Protein backbone atom coordinates (compact mmCIF):
# COMPACT_ATOMS: atom_id res chain seq x y z
CA UNK A 1 -0.02 0.03 -0.01
CA UNK A 2 2.82 2.37 0.87
CA UNK A 3 4.57 1.44 -2.40
CA UNK A 4 1.47 2.45 -4.35
CA UNK A 5 1.15 5.85 -2.55
CA UNK A 6 4.81 6.50 -3.26
CA UNK A 7 4.30 5.85 -6.98
CA UNK A 8 1.23 8.16 -7.00
CA UNK A 9 3.26 10.84 -5.22
CA UNK A 10 6.16 10.45 -7.75
CA UNK A 11 3.67 10.74 -10.58
CA UNK A 12 2.07 13.80 -9.05
CA UNK A 13 5.53 15.35 -8.46
CA UNK A 14 6.59 14.59 -12.00
CA UNK A 15 3.38 16.19 -13.35
CA UNK A 16 3.92 19.26 -11.19
CA UNK A 17 7.49 19.69 -12.47
CA UNK A 18 6.33 19.36 -16.09
CA UNK A 19 3.59 22.00 -15.52
CA UNK A 20 6.14 24.36 -13.92
CA UNK A 21 8.46 23.85 -16.89
CA UNK A 22 5.61 24.59 -19.38
CA UNK A 23 4.82 27.73 -17.34
CA UNK A 24 8.42 28.90 -17.50
CA UNK A 25 8.57 28.27 -21.19
CA UNK A 26 5.33 30.17 -21.75
CA UNK A 27 6.54 33.09 -19.60
CA UNK A 28 9.92 33.11 -21.50
CA UNK A 29 8.19 33.10 -24.89
CA UNK A 30 5.94 36.01 -23.87
CA UNK A 31 8.88 38.00 -22.59
CA UNK A 32 10.91 37.42 -25.81
CA UNK A 33 7.69 38.29 -27.86
CA UNK A 34 7.28 41.54 -25.92
CA UNK A 35 10.99 42.45 -26.29
CA UNK A 36 10.91 41.72 -30.08
CA UNK A 37 7.71 43.74 -30.52
CA UNK A 38 9.09 46.81 -28.64
CA UNK A 39 12.39 46.62 -30.59
CA UNK A 40 10.53 46.23 -33.91
CA UNK A 41 8.24 49.07 -33.06
CA UNK A 42 11.22 51.34 -32.15
CA UNK A 43 13.11 50.48 -35.34
CA UNK A 44 9.98 50.91 -37.39
CA UNK A 45 9.32 54.31 -35.84
CA UNK A 46 5.84 53.26 -34.57
CA UNK A 47 4.44 55.94 -32.23
CA UNK A 48 1.56 54.79 -30.08
CA UNK A 49 0.83 58.46 -29.19
CA UNK A 50 0.38 59.33 -32.82
CA UNK A 51 -1.79 56.23 -33.22
CA UNK A 52 -4.07 57.14 -30.44
CA UNK A 53 -4.16 60.82 -31.49
CA UNK A 54 -5.04 59.87 -35.07
CA UNK A 55 -7.96 57.59 -34.31
CA UNK A 56 -10.55 60.40 -33.93
CA UNK A 57 -9.34 61.93 -37.24
CA UNK A 58 -9.81 58.52 -38.85
CA UNK A 59 -13.32 58.27 -37.47
CA UNK A 60 -14.11 61.92 -38.70
CA UNK A 61 -12.88 61.03 -42.21
CA UNK A 62 -15.14 58.03 -42.45
CA UNK A 63 -18.07 60.00 -41.06
CA UNK A 64 -17.51 62.79 -43.66
CA UNK A 65 -17.73 60.20 -46.47
CA UNK A 66 -21.24 59.23 -45.48
CA UNK A 67 -24.12 61.11 -47.18
CA UNK A 68 -26.21 63.66 -45.30
CA UNK A 69 -29.77 62.36 -45.54
CA UNK A 70 -33.05 63.27 -43.94
CA UNK A 71 -36.40 61.56 -44.09
CA UNK A 72 -38.15 64.48 -45.81
CA UNK A 73 -35.58 64.66 -48.64
CA UNK A 74 -34.61 60.95 -48.68
CA UNK A 75 -34.97 60.26 -52.39
CA UNK A 76 -33.24 63.54 -53.47
CA UNK A 77 -30.41 62.73 -51.08
CA UNK A 78 -30.10 59.26 -52.38
CA UNK A 79 -30.16 60.53 -55.95
CA UNK A 80 -27.37 62.99 -55.17
CA UNK A 81 -25.25 60.26 -53.37
CA UNK A 82 -25.68 57.87 -56.31
CA UNK A 83 -24.42 60.51 -58.84
CA UNK A 84 -23.54 59.01 -62.14
CA UNK A 85 -25.00 55.73 -61.11
CA UNK A 86 -24.90 54.07 -64.50
CA UNK A 87 -21.19 54.95 -65.00
CA UNK A 88 -19.80 53.57 -61.80
CA UNK A 89 -21.95 50.48 -61.97
CA UNK A 90 -20.50 49.87 -65.43
CA UNK A 91 -16.97 50.44 -64.05
CA UNK A 92 -17.72 48.02 -61.25
CA UNK A 93 -18.87 45.47 -63.78
CA UNK A 94 -15.62 46.01 -65.79
CA UNK A 95 -13.72 45.37 -62.50
CA UNK A 96 -15.46 42.08 -62.03
CA UNK A 97 -14.78 41.07 -65.66
CA UNK A 98 -11.04 42.04 -65.22
CA UNK A 99 -10.80 39.88 -62.11
CA UNK A 100 -12.57 36.95 -63.83
CA UNK A 101 -10.32 37.01 -67.01
CA UNK A 102 -7.14 37.55 -65.08
CA UNK A 103 -7.92 34.76 -62.63
CA UNK A 104 -8.77 32.42 -65.52
CA UNK A 105 -5.43 33.15 -67.25
CA UNK A 106 -3.55 32.88 -63.91
CA UNK A 107 -5.13 29.52 -63.09
CA UNK A 108 -4.36 28.09 -66.47
CA UNK A 109 -0.66 29.06 -66.18
CA UNK A 110 -0.40 28.10 -62.53
CA UNK A 111 -2.07 24.80 -63.21
CA UNK A 112 0.39 23.66 -65.89
CA UNK A 113 3.45 24.96 -64.03
CA UNK A 114 2.46 23.32 -60.77
CA UNK A 115 3.37 19.86 -61.97
CA UNK A 116 7.00 20.52 -62.93
CA UNK A 117 7.24 22.70 -59.77
CA UNK A 118 6.34 19.73 -57.56
CA UNK A 119 9.31 17.58 -56.42
CA UNK A 120 7.45 14.35 -56.79
CA UNK A 121 6.15 15.07 -60.30
CA UNK A 122 8.98 17.17 -61.93
CA UNK A 123 10.88 15.58 -64.86
CA UNK A 124 14.32 16.36 -63.70
CA UNK A 125 15.95 18.95 -61.47
CA UNK A 126 16.32 21.54 -64.20
CA UNK A 127 12.58 21.62 -64.93
CA UNK A 128 11.83 21.80 -61.20
CA UNK A 129 14.23 24.66 -60.50
CA UNK A 130 13.24 26.69 -63.63
CA UNK A 131 9.57 26.37 -62.93
CA UNK A 132 10.04 27.22 -59.20
CA UNK A 133 12.20 30.29 -59.88
CA UNK A 134 9.73 31.52 -62.52
CA UNK A 135 6.74 31.23 -60.19
CA UNK A 136 8.78 33.05 -57.48
CA UNK A 137 9.46 35.90 -59.84
CA UNK A 138 5.81 36.17 -60.85
CA UNK A 139 4.57 36.43 -57.36
CA UNK A 140 7.40 38.48 -55.95
CA UNK A 141 7.12 41.43 -58.45
CA UNK A 142 4.15 43.60 -57.24
CA UNK A 143 1.13 43.76 -59.47
CA UNK A 144 1.55 47.51 -59.81
CA UNK A 145 4.97 47.11 -61.24
CA UNK A 146 3.62 44.77 -63.95
CA UNK A 147 0.74 47.15 -64.56
CA UNK A 148 3.09 50.03 -65.21
CA UNK A 149 5.07 47.93 -67.66
CA UNK A 150 1.97 46.86 -69.47
CA UNK A 151 0.55 50.38 -69.53
CA UNK A 152 3.83 51.52 -71.16
CA UNK A 153 3.53 48.74 -73.72
CA UNK A 154 -0.15 48.65 -74.40
CA UNK A 155 -1.42 51.92 -73.13
CA UNK A 156 -4.10 52.62 -70.47
CA UNK A 157 -7.04 50.18 -70.42
CA UNK A 158 -8.23 46.94 -68.90
CA UNK A 159 -5.66 44.88 -70.85
CA UNK A 160 -2.80 46.14 -68.67
CA UNK A 161 -4.68 45.32 -65.56
CA UNK A 162 -5.67 41.87 -66.72
CA UNK A 163 -2.11 40.89 -67.65
CA UNK A 164 -0.64 42.29 -64.45
CA UNK A 165 -3.05 40.48 -62.17
CA UNK A 166 -2.87 37.28 -64.31
CA UNK A 167 0.92 37.06 -63.91
CA UNK A 168 0.74 37.58 -60.11
CA UNK A 169 -2.08 35.07 -59.84
CA UNK A 170 -0.15 32.57 -61.83
CA UNK A 171 2.82 32.90 -59.50
CA UNK A 172 0.75 32.56 -56.30
CA UNK A 173 -1.50 29.70 -57.47
CA UNK A 174 1.36 27.83 -59.08
CA UNK A 175 3.05 27.74 -55.74
CA UNK A 176 -0.05 26.66 -53.90
CA UNK A 177 -0.91 24.10 -56.48
CA UNK A 178 2.56 22.57 -56.48
CA UNK A 179 2.46 22.15 -52.71
CA UNK A 180 -0.88 20.43 -53.01
CA UNK A 181 0.67 18.11 -55.60
CA UNK A 182 3.45 17.23 -53.26
CA UNK A 183 0.97 15.95 -50.60
CA UNK A 184 -0.25 13.01 -52.66
CA UNK A 185 1.37 9.64 -51.96
CA UNK A 186 3.08 7.37 -54.48
CA UNK A 187 0.77 4.52 -53.43
CA UNK A 188 -2.15 6.39 -54.95
CA UNK A 189 -0.41 6.40 -58.38
CA UNK A 190 0.68 2.76 -58.36
CA UNK A 191 -2.51 1.53 -60.18
CA UNK A 192 -2.06 4.09 -62.96
CA UNK A 193 1.63 3.39 -63.32
CA UNK A 194 1.09 -0.41 -63.29
CA UNK A 195 -1.33 -0.03 -66.15
CA UNK A 196 1.49 1.45 -68.26
CA UNK A 197 0.41 5.07 -68.26
CA UNK A 198 2.80 7.67 -69.48
CA UNK A 199 3.85 10.68 -67.40
CA UNK A 200 1.12 13.05 -68.69
CA UNK A 201 -1.45 10.18 -68.21
CA UNK A 202 -0.37 9.65 -64.63
CA UNK A 203 -0.89 13.32 -63.92
CA UNK A 204 -4.27 13.51 -65.76
CA UNK A 205 -5.65 10.25 -64.37
CA UNK A 206 -3.92 9.81 -61.08
CA UNK A 207 -3.02 13.32 -59.69
CA UNK A 208 -5.62 15.67 -60.97
CA UNK A 209 -8.78 13.87 -59.59
CA UNK A 210 -7.10 14.02 -56.11
CA UNK A 211 -6.04 17.57 -56.07
CA UNK A 212 -8.88 19.15 -58.11
CA UNK A 213 -11.08 20.05 -55.11
CA UNK A 214 -8.23 21.94 -53.41
CA UNK A 215 -7.37 23.66 -56.69
CA UNK A 216 -10.98 24.97 -57.02
CA UNK A 217 -10.99 26.15 -53.47
CA UNK A 218 -7.80 28.19 -53.96
CA UNK A 219 -9.07 29.41 -57.32
CA UNK A 220 -12.17 30.85 -55.78
CA UNK A 221 -10.21 32.49 -53.05
CA UNK A 222 -7.87 34.06 -55.54
CA UNK A 223 -10.83 35.30 -57.51
CA UNK A 224 -12.13 37.08 -54.40
CA UNK A 225 -8.76 38.74 -53.86
CA UNK A 226 -8.47 39.80 -57.49
């Protein structure tokens, strides 16, 4: 009986020591996080006084953008607020079309580049490195830089925006798609390979059906962003 009580006491003591160790680790992490935050704020010239002082001005700016309406002149106020309604609705529709076309082009490019950019599906190290570096370049360069280049080449208009967003979308989705491709297991492809399928048939019949739902999910997310 005494041996059992000693074992229970040892277990409880061990548990208490582990809990104390976890508390120390948590406390140390919080202290380090606080120090890093303070240093980063100091180097980044973040002024909390300016932040607090600027909040009322921010609220005033938002309030000034709201229309002045009263119940007696409601329709006239709405008409004034919706000035040039047809024009900005048309521009809004153009924006949606730009996002749709650019997302479609970006998805197509990212889809085909995601397979050589995946370690388990690439045909050689050269193809893997080239596709990876190209996708990195496309998503690293800001969309605005691409837009300025295309405006210089093609002039102002939707085309420059479509091409700029499409290239950036291709870089982002190509990276995401390639990481999804790397999550599939070789066992899932054994049946297709055993049937004598070529490399492109393995991708089309063995890989795409598995990764397609995730591809669609990321595509819809990117369309919202665009």
